[in-house]
Amino acid sequence: MEKPRIQARYEEEILPALKKQFGYKNNHQVPRLSKIVINRGVGEATQDVKLLEVAIEELTTISGQKAVIRRARQSVSNFKLRTGMAIGAKVTIRRQHMYEFLDRLITIALPRVRDFRGMSRNSFDGHGNYNMGLKEQIVFPEIDYDKVAKIDGMNVAIVTTAETDEEAFALLAGLGMPFQRQEA
């Protein structure tokens, strides 16, 4: 099976550039992608289970892997929520699927976002991971717009092996993530 485009670019161009930029002596020290987690909360699933099934189906279509149900850990009486109730869906993508998803996200989905001005540079968590939110699932071409009953958002967490946000930023910028320009 042929390597995904972004993975080949990482190995040929980005890895040597990061090794030189940060002064690493070994290729295994260079930051790389670990996994991508897509999470989607479906709070209304407490009243209508069908919404959760639709969310799982859409996440499975977007990621190419089966999504799993997320259940409530605690009871919250204000939200009529009990421990163990299904309230969301998530999927964890690794290896080649991860690179293919990232390629589709950067080249197809993000340019389709309305009023897109680049990804925020402030969404790093301090440990080299990047988190972003998408307001609509219809930015992915795999989702048929006519079959969408309700437009929902999702969270995408890009987990890297980078120690610092600076290293993670250099990695993601090299992979083609469209960050906002820094204003002087």
N, C-alpha and C. Protein backbone atom coordinates (compact mmCIF):
# COMPACT_ATOMS: atom_id res chain seq x y z
N MET A 1 0.85 -1.19 0.00
CA MET A 1 0.00 0.00 0.00
C MET A 1 0.88 1.25 0.00
N GLU A 2 0.52 2.20 -0.80
CA GLU A 2 1.31 3.42 -0.94
C GLU A 2 1.10 4.34 0.27
N LYS A 3 2.18 5.03 0.65
CA LYS A 3 2.10 5.96 1.78
C LYS A 3 1.24 7.15 1.43
N PRO A 4 0.50 7.67 2.40
CA PRO A 4 -0.25 8.91 2.17
C PRO A 4 0.71 10.06 1.85
N ARG A 5 0.22 11.01 1.10
CA ARG A 5 1.01 12.15 0.63
C ARG A 5 1.68 12.91 1.77
N ILE A 6 0.94 13.19 2.83
CA ILE A 6 1.49 13.96 3.95
C ILE A 6 2.55 13.16 4.69
N GLN A 7 2.37 11.86 4.83
CA GLN A 7 3.35 11.02 5.52
C GLN A 7 4.66 10.99 4.74
N ALA A 8 4.59 10.87 3.42
CA ALA A 8 5.80 10.88 2.59
C ALA A 8 6.51 12.22 2.70
N ARG A 9 5.74 13.32 2.70
CA ARG A 9 6.33 14.66 2.83
C ARG A 9 7.00 14.83 4.19
N TYR A 10 6.38 14.27 5.23
CA TYR A 10 6.96 14.34 6.57
C TYR A 10 8.32 13.66 6.58
N GLU A 11 8.39 12.44 6.04
CA GLU A 11 9.63 11.67 6.09
C GLU A 11 10.73 12.27 5.22
N GLU A 12 10.36 12.84 4.07
CA GLU A 12 11.38 13.34 3.14
C GLU A 12 11.82 14.78 3.42
N GLU A 13 10.87 15.66 3.79
CA GLU A 13 11.19 17.08 3.92
C GLU A 13 11.15 17.58 5.37
N ILE A 14 10.05 17.30 6.06
CA ILE A 14 9.81 17.92 7.37
C ILE A 14 10.73 17.35 8.44
N LEU A 15 10.92 16.02 8.47
CA LEU A 15 11.78 15.40 9.47
C LEU A 15 13.20 15.97 9.44
N PRO A 16 13.86 16.03 8.26
CA PRO A 16 15.21 16.63 8.25
C PRO A 16 15.22 18.11 8.63
N ALA A 17 14.18 18.85 8.23
CA ALA A 17 14.13 20.28 8.55
C ALA A 17 13.96 20.50 10.06
N LEU A 18 13.07 19.72 10.71
CA LEU A 18 12.88 19.84 12.15
C LEU A 18 14.13 19.38 12.91
N LYS A 19 14.78 18.36 12.40
CA LYS A 19 16.01 17.84 13.03
C LYS A 19 17.08 18.93 13.05
N LYS A 20 17.17 19.64 11.94
CA LYS A 20 18.16 20.73 11.84
C LYS A 20 17.74 21.92 12.69
N GLN A 21 16.46 22.31 12.62
CA GLN A 21 15.96 23.49 13.33
C GLN A 21 16.12 23.37 14.84
N PHE A 22 15.81 22.19 15.40
CA PHE A 22 15.85 22.03 16.86
C PHE A 22 17.11 21.32 17.35
N GLY A 23 18.01 20.94 16.42
CA GLY A 23 19.30 20.34 16.80
C GLY A 23 19.20 18.94 17.36
N TYR A 24 18.27 18.14 16.85
CA TYR A 24 18.16 16.76 17.30
C TYR A 24 19.28 15.93 16.70
N LYS A 25 19.74 14.94 17.45
CA LYS A 25 20.80 14.06 16.96
C LYS A 25 20.24 12.76 16.38
N ASN A 26 19.00 12.44 16.74
CA ASN A 26 18.41 11.17 16.36
C ASN A 26 17.04 11.43 15.72
N ASN A 27 16.67 10.65 14.71
CA ASN A 27 15.37 10.81 14.05
C ASN A 27 14.20 10.55 14.99
N HIS A 28 14.41 9.72 16.01
CA HIS A 28 13.33 9.38 16.93
C HIS A 28 13.01 10.51 17.91
N GLN A 29 13.89 11.50 18.00
CA GLN A 29 13.64 12.66 18.85
C GLN A 29 12.73 13.67 18.17
N VAL A 30 12.67 13.63 16.86
CA VAL A 30 11.90 14.60 16.08
C VAL A 30 10.41 14.39 16.33
N PRO A 31 9.66 15.48 16.60
CA PRO A 31 8.22 15.34 16.84
C PRO A 31 7.49 14.75 15.63
N ARG A 32 6.49 13.95 15.91
CA ARG A 32 5.67 13.37 14.85
C ARG A 32 4.23 13.26 15.35
N LEU A 33 3.33 13.01 14.43
CA LEU A 33 1.93 12.83 14.80
C LEU A 33 1.77 11.49 15.52
N SER A 34 0.97 11.49 16.57
CA SER A 34 0.72 10.27 17.32
C SER A 34 -0.67 9.72 16.99
N LYS A 35 -1.69 10.60 17.07
CA LYS A 35 -3.06 10.18 16.76
C LYS A 35 -3.92 11.43 16.58
N ILE A 36 -5.08 11.23 16.00
CA ILE A 36 -6.08 12.28 15.87
C ILE A 36 -7.37 11.74 16.47
N VAL A 37 -7.95 12.51 17.39
CA VAL A 37 -9.20 12.10 18.04
C VAL A 37 -10.29 13.09 17.62
N ILE A 38 -11.38 12.55 17.07
CA ILE A 38 -12.52 13.38 16.69
C ILE A 38 -13.63 13.06 17.68
N ASN A 39 -14.14 14.10 18.34
CA ASN A 39 -15.14 13.93 19.39
C ASN A 39 -16.36 14.78 19.04
N ARG A 40 -17.51 14.22 19.27
CA ARG A 40 -18.75 14.94 18.96
C ARG A 40 -19.76 14.72 20.08
N GLY A 41 -20.10 15.77 20.76
CA GLY A 41 -21.10 15.68 21.82
C GLY A 41 -22.49 15.79 21.24
N VAL A 42 -23.38 14.92 21.70
CA VAL A 42 -24.77 14.94 21.26
C VAL A 42 -25.63 14.98 22.51
N GLY A 43 -25.76 16.16 23.08
CA GLY A 43 -26.51 16.32 24.32
C GLY A 43 -27.97 15.95 24.19
N GLU A 44 -28.55 16.16 23.00
CA GLU A 44 -29.96 15.86 22.78
C GLU A 44 -30.22 14.35 22.71
N ALA A 45 -29.14 13.55 22.74
CA ALA A 45 -29.29 12.10 22.65
C ALA A 45 -30.03 11.53 23.86
N THR A 46 -30.11 12.31 24.94
CA THR A 46 -30.86 11.83 26.11
C THR A 46 -32.35 11.74 25.81
N GLN A 47 -32.85 12.59 24.90
CA GLN A 47 -34.26 12.54 24.50
C GLN A 47 -34.48 11.71 23.23
N ASP A 48 -33.51 11.79 22.28
CA ASP A 48 -33.68 11.13 20.99
C ASP A 48 -32.43 10.33 20.64
N VAL A 49 -32.51 9.01 20.76
CA VAL A 49 -31.37 8.13 20.53
C VAL A 49 -30.97 8.13 19.05
N LYS A 50 -31.90 8.43 18.18
CA LYS A 50 -31.63 8.45 16.74
C LYS A 50 -30.53 9.46 16.40
N LEU A 51 -30.48 10.59 17.11
CA LEU A 51 -29.44 11.60 16.87
C LEU A 51 -28.05 11.04 17.13
N LEU A 52 -27.91 10.20 18.13
CA LEU A 52 -26.62 9.59 18.44
C LEU A 52 -26.21 8.62 17.33
N GLU A 53 -27.17 7.86 16.83
CA GLU A 53 -26.88 6.93 15.73
C GLU A 53 -26.42 7.67 14.49
N VAL A 54 -27.05 8.81 14.20
CA VAL A 54 -26.66 9.63 13.06
C VAL A 54 -25.25 10.18 13.26
N ALA A 55 -24.95 10.64 14.48
CA ALA A 55 -23.61 11.17 14.78
C ALA A 55 -22.54 10.10 14.60
N ILE A 56 -22.82 8.90 15.06
CA ILE A 56 -21.86 7.79 14.91
C ILE A 56 -21.65 7.47 13.43
N GLU A 57 -22.73 7.44 12.68
CA GLU A 57 -22.64 7.15 11.25
C GLU A 57 -21.83 8.22 10.52
N GLU A 58 -22.06 9.49 10.85
CA GLU A 58 -21.32 10.58 10.20
C GLU A 58 -19.85 10.56 10.56
N LEU A 59 -19.52 10.33 11.84
CA LEU A 59 -18.11 10.25 12.25
C LEU A 59 -17.41 9.08 11.58
N THR A 60 -18.11 7.96 11.45
CA THR A 60 -17.55 6.79 10.77
C THR A 60 -17.28 7.11 9.31
N THR A 61 -18.18 7.83 8.66
CA THR A 61 -18.01 8.22 7.26
C THR A 61 -16.84 9.17 7.10
N ILE A 62 -16.73 10.15 7.98
CA ILE A 62 -15.65 11.15 7.90
C ILE A 62 -14.29 10.52 8.13
N SER A 63 -14.19 9.65 9.15
CA SER A 63 -12.88 9.14 9.56
C SER A 63 -12.47 7.85 8.86
N GLY A 64 -13.44 7.09 8.39
CA GLY A 64 -13.10 5.80 7.78
C GLY A 64 -12.95 4.70 8.82
N GLN A 65 -13.26 5.00 10.07
CA GLN A 65 -13.20 4.01 11.15
C GLN A 65 -14.48 4.08 11.96
N LYS A 66 -14.83 2.99 12.61
CA LYS A 66 -16.07 2.94 13.40
C LYS A 66 -15.94 3.83 14.63
N ALA A 67 -16.91 4.70 14.81
CA ALA A 67 -16.95 5.57 15.99
C ALA A 67 -17.55 4.80 17.16
N VAL A 68 -17.18 5.20 18.37
CA VAL A 68 -17.70 4.55 19.57
C VAL A 68 -18.55 5.54 20.37
N ILE A 69 -19.45 4.99 21.16
CA ILE A 69 -20.35 5.81 21.99
C ILE A 69 -19.60 6.29 23.22
N ARG A 70 -19.80 7.55 23.58
CA ARG A 70 -19.27 8.11 24.83
C ARG A 70 -20.42 8.20 25.81
N ARG A 71 -20.17 7.80 27.03
CA ARG A 71 -21.22 7.78 28.05
C ARG A 71 -20.89 8.77 29.16
N ALA A 72 -21.93 9.26 29.82
CA ALA A 72 -21.77 10.23 30.90
C ALA A 72 -21.08 9.57 32.08
N ARG A 73 -20.10 10.26 32.66
CA ARG A 73 -19.38 9.73 33.82
C ARG A 73 -20.08 10.08 35.12
N GLN A 74 -20.80 11.20 35.10
CA GLN A 74 -21.46 11.67 36.31
C GLN A 74 -22.92 11.99 36.02
N SER A 75 -23.70 11.99 37.05
CA SER A 75 -25.09 12.43 36.93
C SER A 75 -25.15 13.93 37.16
N VAL A 76 -25.92 14.63 36.31
CA VAL A 76 -26.13 16.06 36.47
C VAL A 76 -27.64 16.30 36.38
N SER A 77 -28.24 16.63 37.51
CA SER A 77 -29.70 16.73 37.55
C SER A 77 -30.23 17.90 36.71
N ASN A 78 -29.48 18.99 36.63
CA ASN A 78 -29.93 20.13 35.82
C ASN A 78 -30.08 19.79 34.34
N PHE A 79 -29.27 18.84 33.86
CA PHE A 79 -29.34 18.45 32.46
C PHE A 79 -30.13 17.16 32.26
N LYS A 80 -30.78 16.67 33.34
CA LYS A 80 -31.52 15.39 33.30
C LYS A 80 -30.61 14.27 32.78
N LEU A 81 -29.41 14.24 33.32
CA LEU A 81 -28.38 13.31 32.86
C LEU A 81 -28.01 12.35 33.99
N ARG A 82 -27.98 11.05 33.67
CA ARG A 82 -27.59 10.05 34.66
C ARG A 82 -26.31 9.37 34.21
N THR A 83 -25.57 8.86 35.16
CA THR A 83 -24.33 8.15 34.86
C THR A 83 -24.62 7.00 33.90
N GLY A 84 -23.81 6.90 32.86
CA GLY A 84 -23.95 5.80 31.90
C GLY A 84 -24.81 6.11 30.69
N MET A 85 -25.46 7.28 30.67
CA MET A 85 -26.28 7.63 29.50
C MET A 85 -25.37 7.97 28.32
N ALA A 86 -25.77 7.58 27.12
CA ALA A 86 -25.01 7.89 25.91
C ALA A 86 -25.18 9.36 25.58
N ILE A 87 -24.06 10.11 25.50
CA ILE A 87 -24.13 11.55 25.24
C ILE A 87 -23.22 12.02 24.12
N GLY A 88 -22.52 11.12 23.47
CA GLY A 88 -21.63 11.56 22.40
C GLY A 88 -20.98 10.41 21.68
N ALA A 89 -20.11 10.76 20.73
CA ALA A 89 -19.39 9.76 19.96
C ALA A 89 -17.98 10.25 19.71
N LYS A 90 -17.05 9.30 19.61
CA LYS A 90 -15.68 9.68 19.30
C LYS A 90 -15.02 8.60 18.46
N VAL A 91 -13.96 9.00 17.77
CA VAL A 91 -13.18 8.05 16.99
C VAL A 91 -11.71 8.47 17.11
N THR A 92 -10.84 7.49 17.30
CA THR A 92 -9.40 7.73 17.37
C THR A 92 -8.77 7.15 16.12
N ILE A 93 -8.02 7.98 15.42
CA ILE A 93 -7.42 7.57 14.15
C ILE A 93 -5.90 7.53 14.32
N ARG A 94 -5.27 6.47 13.88
CA ARG A 94 -3.82 6.32 13.96
C ARG A 94 -3.26 5.87 12.62
N ARG A 95 -1.94 5.90 12.51
CA ARG A 95 -1.16 5.42 11.37
C ARG A 95 -1.61 6.05 10.05
N GLN A 96 -1.79 5.24 9.01
CA GLN A 96 -2.07 5.79 7.69
C GLN A 96 -3.41 6.51 7.62
N HIS A 97 -4.42 6.00 8.30
CA HIS A 97 -5.72 6.67 8.31
C HIS A 97 -5.58 8.10 8.85
N MET A 98 -4.71 8.26 9.83
CA MET A 98 -4.49 9.57 10.46
C MET A 98 -3.93 10.56 9.43
N TYR A 99 -2.94 10.12 8.67
CA TYR A 99 -2.35 11.00 7.66
C TYR A 99 -3.34 11.32 6.54
N GLU A 100 -4.12 10.32 6.14
CA GLU A 100 -5.13 10.56 5.10
C GLU A 100 -6.20 11.52 5.58
N PHE A 101 -6.64 11.38 6.84
CA PHE A 101 -7.64 12.30 7.39
C PHE A 101 -7.08 13.71 7.47
N LEU A 102 -5.85 13.86 7.95
CA LEU A 102 -5.23 15.18 8.07
C LEU A 102 -5.11 15.85 6.70
N ASP A 103 -4.75 15.07 5.70
CA ASP A 103 -4.65 15.60 4.33
C ASP A 103 -6.02 16.11 3.86
N ARG A 104 -7.08 15.33 4.07
CA ARG A 104 -8.43 15.76 3.68
C ARG A 104 -8.87 16.98 4.48
N LEU A 105 -8.52 17.02 5.76
CA LEU A 105 -8.89 18.15 6.62
C LEU A 105 -8.24 19.44 6.11
N ILE A 106 -6.94 19.38 5.81
CA ILE A 106 -6.20 20.58 5.41
C ILE A 106 -6.56 21.03 4.00
N THR A 107 -6.64 20.09 3.07
CA THR A 107 -6.81 20.47 1.66
C THR A 107 -8.26 20.64 1.23
N ILE A 108 -9.19 19.94 1.88
CA ILE A 108 -10.58 19.99 1.42
C ILE A 108 -11.52 20.64 2.43
N ALA A 109 -11.51 20.16 3.68
CA ALA A 109 -12.51 20.60 4.66
C ALA A 109 -12.29 22.03 5.13
N LEU A 110 -11.08 22.38 5.56
CA LEU A 110 -10.85 23.73 6.10
C LEU A 110 -11.10 24.84 5.08
N PRO A 111 -10.71 24.68 3.81
CA PRO A 111 -11.05 25.73 2.84
C PRO A 111 -12.56 25.91 2.62
N ARG A 112 -13.36 24.91 2.97
CA ARG A 112 -14.82 25.00 2.81
C ARG A 112 -15.50 25.66 4.00
N VAL A 113 -14.75 25.95 5.06
CA VAL A 113 -15.32 26.60 6.24
C VAL A 113 -15.64 28.05 5.89
N ARG A 114 -16.84 28.47 6.26
CA ARG A 114 -17.28 29.82 5.97
C ARG A 114 -16.42 30.84 6.73
N ASP A 115 -16.02 31.93 6.08
CA ASP A 115 -15.22 33.00 6.68
C ASP A 115 -13.94 32.48 7.32
N PHE A 116 -13.26 31.58 6.65
CA PHE A 116 -12.04 30.98 7.20
C PHE A 116 -10.86 31.93 7.03
N ARG A 117 -10.20 32.22 8.13
CA ARG A 117 -9.03 33.12 8.10
C ARG A 117 -7.79 32.46 8.64
N GLY A 118 -7.81 31.16 8.80
CA GLY A 118 -6.67 30.44 9.33
C GLY A 118 -6.96 29.89 10.71
N MET A 119 -6.18 28.92 11.11
CA MET A 119 -6.35 28.29 12.42
C MET A 119 -5.65 29.14 13.48
N SER A 120 -6.22 29.19 14.65
CA SER A 120 -5.66 29.96 15.76
C SER A 120 -4.34 29.35 16.22
N ARG A 121 -3.40 30.21 16.54
CA ARG A 121 -2.12 29.74 17.08
C ARG A 121 -2.21 29.49 18.58
N ASN A 122 -3.33 29.84 19.19
CA ASN A 122 -3.47 29.74 20.64
C ASN A 122 -4.14 28.44 21.08
N SER A 123 -4.34 27.51 20.18
CA SER A 123 -5.08 26.29 20.53
C SER A 123 -4.17 25.13 20.91
N PHE A 124 -2.91 25.41 21.20
CA PHE A 124 -2.01 24.37 21.69
C PHE A 124 -2.21 24.24 23.19
N ASP A 125 -2.03 23.04 23.72
CA ASP A 125 -2.33 22.80 25.14
C ASP A 125 -1.14 22.90 26.07
N GLY A 126 0.03 23.28 25.58
CA GLY A 126 1.21 23.39 26.43
C GLY A 126 2.06 22.13 26.43
N HIS A 127 1.54 21.05 25.85
CA HIS A 127 2.27 19.78 25.80
C HIS A 127 2.47 19.30 24.37
N GLY A 128 2.29 20.20 23.40
CA GLY A 128 2.53 19.85 22.01
C GLY A 128 1.34 19.26 21.28
N ASN A 129 0.13 19.40 21.82
CA ASN A 129 -1.07 18.90 21.15
C ASN A 129 -1.91 20.07 20.69
N TYR A 130 -2.64 19.89 19.58
CA TYR A 130 -3.44 20.97 19.01
C TYR A 130 -4.91 20.57 19.02
N ASN A 131 -5.77 21.47 19.48
CA ASN A 131 -7.21 21.21 19.53
C ASN A 131 -7.94 22.26 18.72
N MET A 132 -8.90 21.80 17.95
CA MET A 132 -9.68 22.74 17.14
C MET A 132 -11.13 22.29 17.11
N GLY A 133 -12.01 23.23 16.86
CA GLY A 133 -13.42 22.91 16.75
C GLY A 133 -13.92 23.25 15.36
N LEU A 134 -14.78 22.42 14.85
CA LEU A 134 -15.45 22.68 13.58
C LEU A 134 -16.93 22.86 13.89
N LYS A 135 -17.54 23.91 13.35
CA LYS A 135 -18.94 24.20 13.67
C LYS A 135 -19.91 23.38 12.85
N GLU A 136 -19.47 22.86 11.71
CA GLU A 136 -20.37 22.12 10.83
C GLU A 136 -19.70 20.84 10.34
N GLN A 137 -20.45 19.76 10.31
CA GLN A 137 -19.90 18.52 9.77
C GLN A 137 -19.97 18.49 8.25
N ILE A 138 -20.69 19.42 7.66
CA ILE A 138 -20.89 19.41 6.20
C ILE A 138 -19.69 19.95 5.43
N VAL A 139 -18.62 20.40 6.14
CA VAL A 139 -17.42 20.84 5.42
C VAL A 139 -16.68 19.64 4.83
N PHE A 140 -16.99 18.44 5.30
CA PHE A 140 -16.37 17.25 4.74
C PHE A 140 -17.19 16.79 3.55
N PRO A 141 -16.55 16.53 2.41
CA PRO A 141 -17.30 16.15 1.20
C PRO A 141 -17.97 14.78 1.31
N GLU A 142 -17.55 13.96 2.29
CA GLU A 142 -18.16 12.63 2.44
C GLU A 142 -19.59 12.72 2.95
N ILE A 143 -19.92 13.83 3.61
CA ILE A 143 -21.25 14.00 4.18
C ILE A 143 -22.18 14.56 3.11
N ASP A 144 -23.29 13.85 2.88
CA ASP A 144 -24.28 14.29 1.90
C ASP A 144 -25.16 15.37 2.55
N TYR A 145 -25.09 16.57 2.02
CA TYR A 145 -25.79 17.72 2.60
C TYR A 145 -27.30 17.50 2.69
N ASP A 146 -27.86 16.80 1.71
CA ASP A 146 -29.31 16.58 1.68
C ASP A 146 -29.79 15.63 2.77
N LYS A 147 -28.91 14.75 3.26
CA LYS A 147 -29.29 13.77 4.27
C LYS A 147 -29.06 14.26 5.69
N VAL A 148 -28.47 15.45 5.86
CA VAL A 148 -28.17 15.97 7.20
C VAL A 148 -29.43 16.53 7.82
N ALA A 149 -29.81 15.97 8.96
CA ALA A 149 -31.00 16.43 9.66
C ALA A 149 -30.69 17.65 10.53
N LYS A 150 -29.51 17.64 11.15
CA LYS A 150 -29.14 18.71 12.07
C LYS A 150 -27.65 18.99 11.92
N ILE A 151 -27.30 20.26 11.75
CA ILE A 151 -25.90 20.64 11.63
C ILE A 151 -25.30 20.72 13.02
N ASP A 152 -24.24 19.96 13.23
CA ASP A 152 -23.57 19.89 14.52
C ASP A 152 -22.07 20.09 14.33
N GLY A 153 -21.42 20.47 15.39
CA GLY A 153 -19.98 20.65 15.35
C GLY A 153 -19.25 19.44 15.91
N MET A 154 -17.93 19.54 15.90
CA MET A 154 -17.10 18.47 16.45
C MET A 154 -15.76 19.03 16.87
N ASN A 155 -15.09 18.34 17.77
CA ASN A 155 -13.76 18.72 18.20
C ASN A 155 -12.75 17.77 17.57
N VAL A 156 -11.63 18.33 17.11
CA VAL A 156 -10.57 17.54 16.53
C VAL A 156 -9.31 17.80 17.35
N ALA A 157 -8.75 16.76 17.95
CA ALA A 157 -7.53 16.88 18.74
C ALA A 157 -6.40 16.18 17.98
N ILE A 158 -5.37 16.95 17.65
CA ILE A 158 -4.21 16.40 16.95
C ILE A 158 -3.12 16.21 18.00
N VAL A 159 -2.81 14.95 18.30
CA VAL A 159 -1.84 14.61 19.35
C VAL A 159 -0.49 14.33 18.70
N THR A 160 0.55 15.02 19.19
CA THR A 160 1.89 14.84 18.66
C THR A 160 2.82 14.35 19.76
N THR A 161 4.04 13.98 19.38
CA THR A 161 5.04 13.57 20.36
C THR A 161 5.91 14.76 20.76
N ALA A 162 5.57 15.96 20.32
CA ALA A 162 6.36 17.14 20.62
C ALA A 162 6.32 17.46 22.11
N GLU A 163 7.44 17.95 22.64
CA GLU A 163 7.51 18.31 24.06
C GLU A 163 6.92 19.70 24.30
N THR A 164 7.10 20.61 23.34
CA THR A 164 6.66 21.99 23.52
C THR A 164 5.71 22.40 22.40
N ASP A 165 5.01 23.50 22.63
CA ASP A 165 4.10 24.03 21.60
C ASP A 165 4.88 24.54 20.39
N GLU A 166 6.07 25.07 20.61
CA GLU A 166 6.89 25.57 19.51
C GLU A 166 7.24 24.44 18.53
N GLU A 167 7.63 23.29 19.08
CA GLU A 167 7.94 22.14 18.23
C GLU A 167 6.69 21.65 17.49
N ALA A 168 5.56 21.60 18.20
CA ALA A 168 4.31 21.14 17.59
C ALA A 168 3.87 22.10 16.49
N PHE A 169 4.04 23.41 16.73
CA PHE A 169 3.68 24.40 15.71
C PHE A 169 4.53 24.21 14.46
N ALA A 170 5.84 24.02 14.64
CA ALA A 170 6.74 23.81 13.50
C ALA A 170 6.34 22.55 12.72
N LEU A 171 5.96 21.49 13.45
CA LEU A 171 5.53 20.25 12.81
C LEU A 171 4.26 20.46 11.99
N LEU A 172 3.23 21.04 12.62
CA LEU A 172 1.95 21.21 11.93
C LEU A 172 2.04 22.22 10.79
N ALA A 173 2.82 23.27 10.97
CA ALA A 173 3.00 24.24 9.89
C ALA A 173 3.71 23.57 8.71
N GLY A 174 4.68 22.72 9.00
CA GLY A 174 5.37 21.98 7.94
C GLY A 174 4.44 21.03 7.21
N LEU A 175 3.49 20.45 7.93
CA LEU A 175 2.53 19.53 7.32
C LEU A 175 1.49 20.27 6.48
N GLY A 176 1.43 21.61 6.62
CA GLY A 176 0.52 22.40 5.79
C GLY A 176 -0.68 22.96 6.52
N MET A 177 -0.72 22.89 7.84
CA MET A 177 -1.85 23.44 8.60
C MET A 177 -1.90 24.95 8.37
N PRO A 178 -3.03 25.47 7.92
CA PRO A 178 -3.13 26.91 7.60
C PRO A 178 -3.34 27.77 8.86
N PHE A 179 -2.25 28.16 9.48
CA PHE A 179 -2.35 29.00 10.68
C PHE A 179 -2.54 30.47 10.31
N GLN A 180 -3.11 31.23 11.24
CA GLN A 180 -3.28 32.67 11.03
C GLN A 180 -1.91 33.31 11.02
N ARG A 181 -1.81 34.38 10.24
CA ARG A 181 -0.55 35.12 10.21
C ARG A 181 -0.39 35.87 11.53
N GLN A 182 0.86 35.90 11.99
CA GLN A 182 1.13 36.61 13.24
C GLN A 182 1.31 38.09 12.92
N GLU A 183 0.54 38.91 13.64
CA GLU A 183 0.60 40.34 13.36
C GLU A 183 1.67 40.99 14.22
N ALA A 184 2.44 41.86 13.59
CA ALA A 184 3.58 42.48 14.27
C ALA A 184 3.18 43.63 15.14
